[in-house]
Each structure stands twice: as structure tokens, then as C-alpha cells.
Amino acid sequence: MANNNSGTNRMEVPQAREAMERFKMEVASEIGVPLKQGYNGDLTSAQNGSVGGEMVRQMIKKQEESMSGGQM
């Protein structure tokens, strides 16, 4: 399936947008990145990337737990 997004932040499930925003803010807080609503151009690429990376790690962990029947 080709994706011609050209770098946009299209959600696969648009109804999840608010939950993903809350999750992003929660993860940023957990790892000490001062992320705020709106403009975050004052943050470094490393700071922003660490939030996305941690989100992915947590989502993968949750999926693995789900797939293993929660027996991790």
C-alpha cells in the first residue's frame, strides 16, 4: 500500500488524535522534555525525537503484552 503523505502527520485512525496528543504529553513529562501545546521550535531535535522514540517503545511493549496474553 503506497503512502503519498509527503511528510504530513496523517492519523490512520483520526478519532484517536486527542488520545495520541495526551499520550505524547504524558511521555514528554515522564522523560523530562518540556513539551507544550503549540509551537515547540525551541526544543532540540534530540528532545523531540526522544518523545517520539519513547512513544513507539511504549506502544510496541503494549502490543507485545497484548499478543502474549499479558504474560511478560
Protein backbone atom coordinates (compact mmCIF):
# COMPACT_ATOMS: atom_id res chain seq x y z
CA MET A 1 0.00 0.00 0.00
CA ALA A 2 1.65 3.22 -1.13
CA ASN A 3 1.62 6.20 1.18
CA ASN A 4 1.83 9.56 -0.56
CA ASN A 5 1.77 11.65 2.63
CA SER A 6 4.82 13.74 1.77
CA GLY A 7 5.68 14.06 5.45
CA THR A 8 2.28 15.05 6.81
CA ASN A 9 1.07 13.84 10.19
CA ARG A 10 -1.98 11.98 8.92
CA MET A 11 -3.58 9.73 11.52
CA GLU A 12 -4.63 6.24 10.45
CA VAL A 13 -7.49 6.49 12.97
CA PRO A 14 -8.43 10.18 13.10
CA GLN A 15 -10.65 9.59 16.15
CA ALA A 16 -7.50 8.77 18.14
CA ARG A 17 -5.92 12.20 17.65
CA GLU A 18 -6.83 13.54 21.12
CA ALA A 19 -5.67 10.35 22.85
CA MET A 20 -2.36 10.47 20.97
CA GLU A 21 -1.84 14.11 21.97
CA ARG A 22 -2.44 13.21 25.63
CA PHE A 23 -0.09 10.23 25.29
CA LYS A 24 2.60 12.44 23.72
CA MET A 25 2.35 15.00 26.54
CA GLU A 26 2.42 12.22 29.17
CA VAL A 27 5.53 10.63 27.65
CA ALA A 28 7.27 14.02 27.37
CA SER A 29 6.56 14.66 31.03
CA GLU A 30 7.82 11.20 32.04
CA ILE A 31 11.15 11.70 30.28
CA GLY A 32 11.59 15.34 31.28
CA VAL A 33 11.07 17.05 27.93
CA PRO A 34 9.34 20.43 28.34
CA LEU A 35 6.85 19.84 25.50
CA LYS A 36 3.91 22.21 25.36
CA GLN A 37 0.82 22.64 23.22
CA GLY A 38 1.55 24.61 20.07
CA TYR A 39 4.98 25.76 18.97
CA ASN A 40 7.96 23.70 20.21
CA GLY A 41 10.68 25.04 17.91
CA ASP A 42 12.77 25.92 20.94
CA LEU A 43 13.32 22.22 21.66
CA THR A 44 16.20 20.33 20.08
CA SER A 45 15.73 17.59 17.53
CA ALA A 46 17.07 15.15 20.13
CA GLN A 47 14.42 16.22 22.64
CA ASN A 48 11.60 15.93 20.13
CA GLY A 49 12.95 12.65 18.81
CA SER A 50 13.21 11.19 22.29
CA VAL A 51 9.49 11.76 22.82
CA GLY A 52 8.58 10.00 19.57
CA GLY A 53 11.02 7.18 20.24
CA GLU A 54 9.66 6.57 23.73
CA MET A 55 6.09 6.64 22.41
CA VAL A 56 7.00 3.93 19.90
CA ARG A 57 8.75 1.83 22.57
CA GLN A 58 5.72 2.03 24.85
CA MET A 59 3.27 1.21 22.02
CA ILE A 60 5.36 -1.79 20.95
CA LYS A 61 5.59 -3.03 24.54
CA LYS A 62 1.82 -2.75 24.96
CA GLN A 63 1.23 -4.64 21.70
CA GLU A 64 3.71 -7.36 22.66
CA GLU A 65 1.97 -7.76 26.02
CA SER A 66 -1.38 -7.97 24.25
CA MET A 67 -0.07 -10.59 21.81
CA SER A 68 1.42 -12.70 24.60
CA GLY A 69 -1.78 -12.64 26.62
CA GLY A 70 -0.23 -10.25 29.15
CA GLN A 71 2.30 -12.86 30.30
CA MET A 72 5.55 -10.92 30.11
